[in-house]
């Protein structure tokens, strides 16, 4: 399993070093006389990534393809299986490997939200503008590729969060929430719903972010508000 790729980001993403089929990594582009290519029968690299025939380095910028939801030769969303072949002295050896591609969430987003009052003092349906700042980290945990999201969501036109049952003040103002529960295990998928959490997010090929946020009351007494949102990338 190679380091995961993120759509729209150079591969490999930081902090991973260069990914190469030549071990150890080649110096000055030399690789002991080997040439590298993909096996025609072993699947394919994600769109936007290529292998250098002289160094075996896999690099590029992953792009959104229609097959990203279910690549060939696998039933796993976003996981590509392929074989890299090394040839030297008229002999060829092929090695199977895998590479996961995640939707790109990192950055700033702005859009609109709507949802139910639940954990808030005001009993009317809530709606307004939303700004998200997301940081995305891709890793491999026990052989499973994962993308972990953290960040904040600032939402306008919100009343105070309930701290005591029966509070009725409805002064509206912007509020910022820390986003947690942001671990996704495949492209365009979300983690479990949890207090002050972000989940069920997905990014369209047009870089539009849709998802849901769950906010719990300040006393964490079990009252939740669920919001859906749509946002576009701003940075």
C-alpha atoms as a PDB file:
ATOM      1  CA  UNK A   1       0.000   0.000   0.000  1.00  0.00           C
ATOM      2  CA  UNK A   2       1.585   3.262  -1.170  1.00  0.00           C
ATOM      3  CA  UNK A   3       0.959   6.607   0.564  1.00  0.00           C
ATOM      4  CA  UNK A   4      -2.557   7.893  -0.277  1.00  0.00           C
ATOM      5  CA  UNK A   5      -3.149  10.600  -2.873  1.00  0.00           C
ATOM      6  CA  UNK A   6      -5.442  13.626  -2.555  1.00  0.00           C
ATOM      7  CA  UNK A   7      -7.342  14.959  -5.573  1.00  0.00           C
ATOM      8  CA  UNK A   8      -5.827  18.229  -6.768  1.00  0.00           C
ATOM      9  CA  UNK A   9      -2.677  17.934  -4.645  1.00  0.00           C
ATOM     10  CA  UNK A  10       0.855  17.015  -5.793  1.00  0.00           C
ATOM     11  CA  UNK A  11       1.728  13.372  -5.169  1.00  0.00           C
ATOM     12  CA  UNK A  12       3.016  12.246  -2.791  1.00  0.00           C
ATOM     13  CA  UNK A  13       1.469  14.674  -0.276  1.00  0.00           C
ATOM     14  CA  UNK A  14       3.617  16.063   2.513  1.00  0.00           C
ATOM     15  CA  UNK A  15       5.195  14.764   4.722  1.00  0.00           C
ATOM     16  CA  UNK A  16       5.759  11.655   2.568  1.00  0.00           C
ATOM     17  CA  UNK A  17       9.074  11.478   0.661  1.00  0.00           C
ATOM     18  CA  UNK A  18       9.245  10.636  -3.044  1.00  0.00           C
ATOM     19  CA  UNK A  19       7.526   7.349  -3.910  1.00  0.00           C
ATOM     20  CA  UNK A  20       9.596   5.087  -6.140  1.00  0.00           C
ATOM     21  CA  UNK A  21       9.501   1.481  -7.286  1.00  0.00           C
ATOM     22  CA  UNK A  22      13.305   1.506  -7.062  1.00  0.00           C
ATOM     23  CA  UNK A  23      14.641   0.583  -3.617  1.00  0.00           C
ATOM     24  CA  UNK A  24      16.466   2.403  -2.194  1.00  0.00           C
ATOM     25  CA  UNK A  25      15.423   5.722  -3.724  1.00  0.00           C
ATOM     26  CA  UNK A  26      17.592   6.532  -6.754  1.00  0.00           C
ATOM     27  CA  UNK A  27      20.319   9.177  -6.651  1.00  0.00           C
ATOM     28  CA  UNK A  28      20.595  11.625  -9.539  1.00  0.00           C
ATOM     29  CA  UNK A  29      17.965   9.688 -11.454  1.00  0.00           C
ATOM     30  CA  UNK A  30      19.984   6.470 -11.667  1.00  0.00           C
ATOM     31  CA  UNK A  31      18.418   3.145 -10.832  1.00  0.00           C
ATOM     32  CA  UNK A  32      20.880   0.402 -11.630  1.00  0.00           C
ATOM     33  CA  UNK A  33      19.936  -0.013 -15.277  1.00  0.00           C
ATOM     34  CA  UNK A  34      16.291  -0.904 -14.607  1.00  0.00           C
ATOM     35  CA  UNK A  35      13.360   0.403 -16.599  1.00  0.00           C
ATOM     36  CA  UNK A  36       9.881   0.612 -15.115  1.00  0.00           C
ATOM     37  CA  UNK A  37       6.342   0.421 -16.444  1.00  0.00           C
ATOM     38  CA  UNK A  38       2.875  -0.688 -15.426  1.00  0.00           C
ATOM     39  CA  UNK A  39       1.685  -4.159 -16.286  1.00  0.00           C
ATOM     40  CA  UNK A  40      -1.152  -4.056 -18.823  1.00  0.00           C
ATOM     41  CA  UNK A  41      -2.951  -6.796 -16.884  1.00  0.00           C
ATOM     42  CA  UNK A  42      -2.434  -5.412 -13.389  1.00  0.00           C
ATOM     43  CA  UNK A  43      -4.808  -2.437 -13.249  1.00  0.00           C
ATOM     44  CA  UNK A  44      -3.927   1.243 -13.582  1.00  0.00           C
ATOM     45  CA  UNK A  45      -2.667   4.274 -11.722  1.00  0.00           C
ATOM     46  CA  UNK A  46      -5.157   6.988 -10.740  1.00  0.00           C
ATOM     47  CA  UNK A  47      -5.698   9.657 -13.389  1.00  0.00           C
ATOM     48  CA  UNK A  48      -3.021  12.347 -13.262  1.00  0.00           C
ATOM     49  CA  UNK A  49      -0.284  10.093 -11.850  1.00  0.00           C
ATOM     50  CA  UNK A  50       2.521   8.527 -13.895  1.00  0.00           C
ATOM     51  CA  UNK A  51       5.601   6.386 -13.313  1.00  0.00           C
ATOM     52  CA  UNK A  52       8.993   7.545 -14.581  1.00  0.00           C
ATOM     53  CA  UNK A  53      10.405   4.693 -16.702  1.00  0.00           C
ATOM     54  CA  UNK A  54      14.009   5.441 -15.644  1.00  0.00           C
ATOM     55  CA  UNK A  55      13.665   6.127 -11.911  1.00  0.00           C
ATOM     56  CA  UNK A  56      10.467   4.285 -10.994  1.00  0.00           C
ATOM     57  CA  UNK A  57       9.203   7.452  -9.285  1.00  0.00           C
ATOM     58  CA  UNK A  58       5.403   7.780  -9.132  1.00  0.00           C
ATOM     59  CA  UNK A  59       4.309  11.420  -9.187  1.00  0.00           C
ATOM     60  CA  UNK A  60       1.763  13.885 -10.548  1.00  0.00           C
ATOM     61  CA  UNK A  61      -1.491  15.532  -9.430  1.00  0.00           C
ATOM     62  CA  UNK A  62      -4.406  13.143  -8.919  1.00  0.00           C
ATOM     63  CA  UNK A  63      -7.565  14.227 -10.690  1.00  0.00           C
ATOM     64  CA  UNK A  64     -11.214  13.292 -10.419  1.00  0.00           C
ATOM     65  CA  UNK A  65     -12.202  10.514 -12.825  1.00  0.00           C
ATOM     66  CA  UNK A  66     -15.564   8.844 -13.189  1.00  0.00           C
ATOM     67  CA  UNK A  67     -13.989   5.604 -11.964  1.00  0.00           C
ATOM     68  CA  UNK A  68     -12.752   7.067  -8.679  1.00  0.00           C
ATOM     69  CA  UNK A  69     -15.805   5.717  -6.848  1.00  0.00           C
ATOM     70  CA  UNK A  70     -14.972   2.170  -7.938  1.00  0.00           C
ATOM     71  CA  UNK A  71     -11.668   1.688  -9.745  1.00  0.00           C
ATOM     72  CA  UNK A  72     -11.086  -1.391 -11.871  1.00  0.00           C
ATOM     73  CA  UNK A  73      -9.891  -4.564 -10.149  1.00  0.00           C
ATOM     74  CA  UNK A  74     -11.221  -3.521  -6.752  1.00  0.00           C
ATOM     75  CA  UNK A  75     -14.485  -3.136  -4.867  1.00  0.00           C
ATOM     76  CA  UNK A  76     -13.046  -0.512  -2.527  1.00  0.00           C
ATOM     77  CA  UNK A  77     -13.931   3.132  -3.221  1.00  0.00           C
ATOM     78  CA  UNK A  78     -10.938   5.106  -4.368  1.00  0.00           C
ATOM     79  CA  UNK A  79      -8.397   2.268  -4.012  1.00  0.00           C
ATOM     80  CA  UNK A  80      -6.432   1.476  -7.183  1.00  0.00           C
ATOM     81  CA  UNK A  81      -4.667  -1.857  -7.631  1.00  0.00           C
ATOM     82  CA  UNK A  82      -1.883  -2.161 -10.184  1.00  0.00           C
ATOM     83  CA  UNK A  83       1.452  -3.829 -10.862  1.00  0.00           C
ATOM     84  CA  UNK A  84       4.780  -2.076 -11.398  1.00  0.00           C
ATOM     85  CA  UNK A  85       7.210  -4.023 -13.583  1.00  0.00           C
ATOM     86  CA  UNK A  86      11.011  -3.602 -13.477  1.00  0.00           C
ATOM     87  CA  UNK A  87      13.099  -4.849 -16.392  1.00  0.00           C
ATOM     88  CA  UNK A  88      16.871  -5.376 -16.617  1.00  0.00           C
ATOM     89  CA  UNK A  89      19.080  -7.814 -18.551  1.00  0.00           C
ATOM     90  CA  UNK A  90      16.096  -9.186 -20.475  1.00  0.00           C
ATOM     91  CA  UNK A  91      14.347 -10.163 -17.243  1.00  0.00           C
ATOM     92  CA  UNK A  92      11.133  -8.587 -15.946  1.00  0.00           C
ATOM     93  CA  UNK A  93       9.737  -8.708 -12.412  1.00  0.00           C
ATOM     94  CA  UNK A  94       6.297  -7.297 -11.519  1.00  0.00           C
ATOM     95  CA  UNK A  95       5.093  -6.334  -8.058  1.00  0.00           C
ATOM     96  CA  UNK A  96       1.414  -5.736  -7.160  1.00  0.00           C
ATOM     97  CA  UNK A  97       0.593  -2.692  -5.077  1.00  0.00           C
ATOM     98  CA  UNK A  98      -2.283  -0.380  -4.108  1.00  0.00           C
ATOM     99  CA  UNK A  99      -2.834   3.365  -3.897  1.00  0.00           C
ATOM    100  CA  UNK A 100      -5.859   5.124  -2.377  1.00  0.00           C
ATOM    101  CA  UNK A 101      -7.196   8.443  -3.684  1.00  0.00           C
ATOM    102  CA  UNK A 102      -9.150  10.767  -1.401  1.00  0.00           C
ATOM    103  CA  UNK A 103     -11.318  13.752  -2.210  1.00  0.00           C
ATOM    104  CA  UNK A 104      -9.522  17.006  -1.388  1.00  0.00           C
ATOM    105  CA  UNK A 105     -11.031  18.797   1.631  1.00  0.00           C
ATOM    106  CA  UNK A 106      -8.103  20.933   2.765  1.00  0.00           C
ATOM    107  CA  UNK A 107      -8.600  24.708   2.638  1.00  0.00           C
ATOM    108  CA  UNK A 108     -11.300  27.348   3.041  1.00  0.00           C
ATOM    109  CA  UNK A 109     -14.942  26.972   1.986  1.00  0.00           C
ATOM    110  CA  UNK A 110     -17.947  29.327   2.047  1.00  0.00           C
ATOM    111  CA  UNK A 111     -21.644  28.679   1.482  1.00  0.00           C
ATOM    112  CA  UNK A 112     -25.027  28.311   3.166  1.00  0.00           C
ATOM    113  CA  UNK A 113     -26.498  26.026   5.825  1.00  0.00           C
ATOM    114  CA  UNK A 114     -29.936  25.111   7.186  1.00  0.00           C
ATOM    115  CA  UNK A 115     -31.101  22.915  10.036  1.00  0.00           C
ATOM    116  CA  UNK A 116     -33.222  22.346  13.125  1.00  0.00           C
ATOM    117  CA  UNK A 117     -32.985  24.317  16.429  1.00  0.00           C
ATOM    118  CA  UNK A 118     -32.444  21.289  18.705  1.00  0.00           C
ATOM    119  CA  UNK A 119     -29.531  22.384  20.911  1.00  0.00           C
ATOM    120  CA  UNK A 120     -30.284  26.117  20.499  1.00  0.00           C
ATOM    121  CA  UNK A 121     -32.555  28.476  22.428  1.00  0.00           C
ATOM    122  CA  UNK A 122     -34.547  29.652  19.395  1.00  0.00           C
ATOM    123  CA  UNK A 123     -37.316  27.290  18.310  1.00  0.00           C
ATOM    124  CA  UNK A 124     -37.480  28.354  14.647  1.00  0.00           C
ATOM    125  CA  UNK A 125     -35.631  26.607  11.788  1.00  0.00           C
ATOM    126  CA  UNK A 126     -32.124  27.991  11.461  1.00  0.00           C
ATOM    127  CA  UNK A 127     -30.294  29.067   8.315  1.00  0.00           C
ATOM    128  CA  UNK A 128     -27.497  31.396   7.296  1.00  0.00           C
ATOM    129  CA  UNK A 129     -23.986  31.593   5.889  1.00  0.00           C
ATOM    130  CA  UNK A 130     -21.211  29.157   6.752  1.00  0.00           C
ATOM    131  CA  UNK A 131     -17.431  29.340   6.473  1.00  0.00           C
ATOM    132  CA  UNK A 132     -15.262  26.267   6.953  1.00  0.00           C
ATOM    133  CA  UNK A 133     -11.509  25.996   7.492  1.00  0.00           C
ATOM    134  CA  UNK A 134     -10.362  22.400   7.074  1.00  0.00           C
ATOM    135  CA  UNK A 135      -7.015  20.702   7.528  1.00  0.00           C
ATOM    136  CA  UNK A 136      -6.649  17.271   5.952  1.00  0.00           C
ATOM    137  CA  UNK A 137      -4.044  14.635   6.824  1.00  0.00           C
ATOM    138  CA  UNK A 138      -3.744  11.357   4.937  1.00  0.00           C
ATOM    139  CA  UNK A 139      -2.179   8.322   6.586  1.00  0.00           C
ATOM    140  CA  UNK A 140      -2.095   4.539   6.491  1.00  0.00           C
ATOM    141  CA  UNK A 141      -3.165   2.906   9.765  1.00  0.00           C
ATOM    142  CA  UNK A 142      -2.582  -0.844  10.015  1.00  0.00           C
ATOM    143  CA  UNK A 143      -2.708  -1.138   6.246  1.00  0.00           C
ATOM    144  CA  UNK A 144      -5.903   0.935   5.904  1.00  0.00           C
ATOM    145  CA  UNK A 145      -5.702   4.363   4.175  1.00  0.00           C
ATOM    146  CA  UNK A 146      -7.409   7.133   6.122  1.00  0.00           C
ATOM    147  CA  UNK A 147      -7.980  10.850   5.758  1.00  0.00           C
ATOM    148  CA  UNK A 148      -8.446  12.798   8.996  1.00  0.00           C
ATOM    149  CA  UNK A 149     -10.102  16.216   9.004  1.00  0.00           C
ATOM    150  CA  UNK A 150      -9.913  18.939  11.636  1.00  0.00           C
ATOM    151  CA  UNK A 151     -10.905  22.577  11.539  1.00  0.00           C
ATOM    152  CA  UNK A 152     -13.634  25.083  12.345  1.00  0.00           C
ATOM    153  CA  UNK A 153     -17.067  26.074  11.066  1.00  0.00           C
ATOM    154  CA  UNK A 154     -18.320  29.635  11.544  1.00  0.00           C
ATOM    155  CA  UNK A 155     -22.094  29.979  11.119  1.00  0.00           C
ATOM    156  CA  UNK A 156     -24.108  33.213  11.085  1.00  0.00           C
ATOM    157  CA  UNK A 157     -27.631  33.830  12.382  1.00  0.00           C
ATOM    158  CA  UNK A 158     -27.479  31.470  15.366  1.00  0.00           C
ATOM    159  CA  UNK A 159     -29.097  31.996  18.791  1.00  0.00           C
ATOM    160  CA  UNK A 160     -27.278  31.003  22.006  1.00  0.00           C
ATOM    161  CA  UNK A 161     -26.719  27.306  22.586  1.00  0.00           C
ATOM    162  CA  UNK A 162     -28.863  25.887  25.379  1.00  0.00           C
ATOM    163  CA  UNK A 163     -27.115  25.778  28.726  1.00  0.00           C
ATOM    164  CA  UNK A 164     -30.242  25.340  30.862  1.00  0.00           C
ATOM    165  CA  UNK A 165     -33.523  23.790  29.760  1.00  0.00           C
ATOM    166  CA  UNK A 166     -36.116  26.479  29.096  1.00  0.00           C
ATOM    167  CA  UNK A 167     -33.792  29.282  27.985  1.00  0.00           C
ATOM    168  CA  UNK A 168     -35.715  31.477  25.519  1.00  0.00           C
ATOM    169  CA  UNK A 169     -33.278  34.219  24.428  1.00  0.00           C
ATOM    170  CA  UNK A 170     -33.067  34.400  20.637  1.00  0.00           C
ATOM    171  CA  UNK A 171     -30.434  37.044  19.896  1.00  0.00           C
ATOM    172  CA  UNK A 172     -28.771  35.966  16.642  1.00  0.00           C
ATOM    173  CA  UNK A 173     -25.018  36.134  16.113  1.00  0.00           C
ATOM    174  CA  UNK A 174     -22.163  34.262  14.365  1.00  0.00           C
ATOM    175  CA  UNK A 175     -20.731  31.298  16.235  1.00  0.00           C
ATOM    176  CA  UNK A 176     -17.650  29.175  15.585  1.00  0.00           C
ATOM    177  CA  UNK A 177     -17.458  25.453  16.267  1.00  0.00           C
ATOM    178  CA  UNK A 178     -14.475  23.152  16.393  1.00  0.00           C
ATOM    179  CA  UNK A 179     -14.888  20.269  13.974  1.00  0.00           C
ATOM    180  CA  UNK A 180     -14.090  16.745  15.110  1.00  0.00           C
ATOM    181  CA  UNK A 181     -15.085  13.213  14.093  1.00  0.00           C
ATOM    182  CA  UNK A 182     -13.600  13.953  10.703  1.00  0.00           C
ATOM    183  CA  UNK A 183     -11.985  10.631   9.860  1.00  0.00           C
ATOM    184  CA  UNK A 184     -12.924   9.328   6.432  1.00  0.00           C
ATOM    185  CA  UNK A 185     -11.959   5.843   5.320  1.00  0.00           C
ATOM    186  CA  UNK A 186     -12.524   6.299   1.594  1.00  0.00           C
ATOM    187  CA  UNK A 187     -13.033   9.190  -0.812  1.00  0.00           C
ATOM    188  CA  UNK A 188     -16.196  11.232  -0.264  1.00  0.00           C
ATOM    189  CA  UNK A 189     -17.222   9.358   2.891  1.00  0.00           C
ATOM    190  CA  UNK A 190     -17.602  10.465   6.493  1.00  0.00           C
ATOM    191  CA  UNK A 191     -17.143   9.322  10.048  1.00  0.00           C
ATOM    192  CA  UNK A 192     -19.746   8.791  12.723  1.00  0.00           C
ATOM    193  CA  UNK A 193     -22.036  11.552  13.967  1.00  0.00           C
ATOM    194  CA  UNK A 194     -20.805  13.003  17.258  1.00  0.00           C
ATOM    195  CA  UNK A 195     -21.156  16.184  19.298  1.00  0.00           C
ATOM    196  CA  UNK A 196     -19.665  19.242  17.605  1.00  0.00           C
ATOM    197  CA  UNK A 197     -18.736  16.931  14.750  1.00  0.00           C
ATOM    198  CA  UNK A 198     -18.392  16.998  11.002  1.00  0.00           C
ATOM    199  CA  UNK A 199     -19.533  13.988   9.004  1.00  0.00           C
ATOM    200  CA  UNK A 200     -20.934  12.700   5.703  1.00  0.00           C
ATOM    201  CA  UNK A 201     -18.946  15.168   3.621  1.00  0.00           C
ATOM    202  CA  UNK A 202     -18.359  14.810  -0.075  1.00  0.00           C
ATOM    203  CA  UNK A 203     -16.718  16.868  -2.792  1.00  0.00           C
ATOM    204  CA  UNK A 204     -18.051  16.985  -6.340  1.00  0.00           C
ATOM    205  CA  UNK A 205     -15.751  17.210  -9.372  1.00  0.00           C
ATOM    206  CA  UNK A 206     -16.644  20.911  -9.498  1.00  0.00           C
ATOM    207  CA  UNK A 207     -15.030  21.324  -6.040  1.00  0.00           C
ATOM    208  CA  UNK A 208     -18.332  21.889  -4.249  1.00  0.00           C
ATOM    209  CA  UNK A 209     -18.481  20.627  -0.669  1.00  0.00           C
ATOM    210  CA  UNK A 210     -21.687  19.198   0.765  1.00  0.00           C
ATOM    211  CA  UNK A 211     -22.167  17.702   4.193  1.00  0.00           C
ATOM    212  CA  UNK A 212     -23.702  17.785   7.636  1.00  0.00           C
ATOM    213  CA  UNK A 213     -22.698  19.200  11.004  1.00  0.00           C
ATOM    214  CA  UNK A 214     -24.035  18.032  14.352  1.00  0.00           C
ATOM    215  CA  UNK A 215     -23.838  20.453  17.292  1.00  0.00           C
ATOM    216  CA  UNK A 216     -24.597  19.425  20.877  1.00  0.00           C
ATOM    217  CA  UNK A 217     -25.953  21.606  23.700  1.00  0.00           C
ATOM    218  CA  UNK A 218     -23.360  23.180  26.001  1.00  0.00           C
ATOM    219  CA  UNK A 219     -24.212  20.841  28.879  1.00  0.00           C
ATOM    220  CA  UNK A 220     -23.853  17.830  26.547  1.00  0.00           C
ATOM    221  CA  UNK A 221     -27.168  16.590  27.852  1.00  0.00           C
ATOM    222  CA  UNK A 222     -28.091  14.835  24.634  1.00  0.00           C
ATOM    223  CA  UNK A 223     -29.688  17.675  22.665  1.00  0.00           C
ATOM    224  CA  UNK A 224     -28.350  17.938  19.098  1.00  0.00           C
ATOM    225  CA  UNK A 225     -28.913  20.199  16.125  1.00  0.00           C
ATOM    226  CA  UNK A 226     -28.262  18.797  12.671  1.00  0.00           C
ATOM    227  CA  UNK A 227     -27.336  21.137   9.831  1.00  0.00           C
ATOM    228  CA  UNK A 228     -26.821  20.456   6.149  1.00  0.00           C
ATOM    229  CA  UNK A 229     -24.608  22.745   4.097  1.00  0.00           C
ATOM    230  CA  UNK A 230     -23.260  23.392   0.628  1.00  0.00           C
ATOM    231  CA  UNK A 231     -20.065  25.383   0.157  1.00  0.00           C
ATOM    232  CA  UNK A 232     -17.563  26.308  -2.548  1.00  0.00           C
ATOM    233  CA  UNK A 233     -13.807  26.496  -2.191  1.00  0.00           C
ATOM    234  CA  UNK A 234     -12.473  29.999  -1.511  1.00  0.00           C
ATOM    235  CA  UNK A 235      -8.849  29.233  -0.709  1.00  0.00           C
END
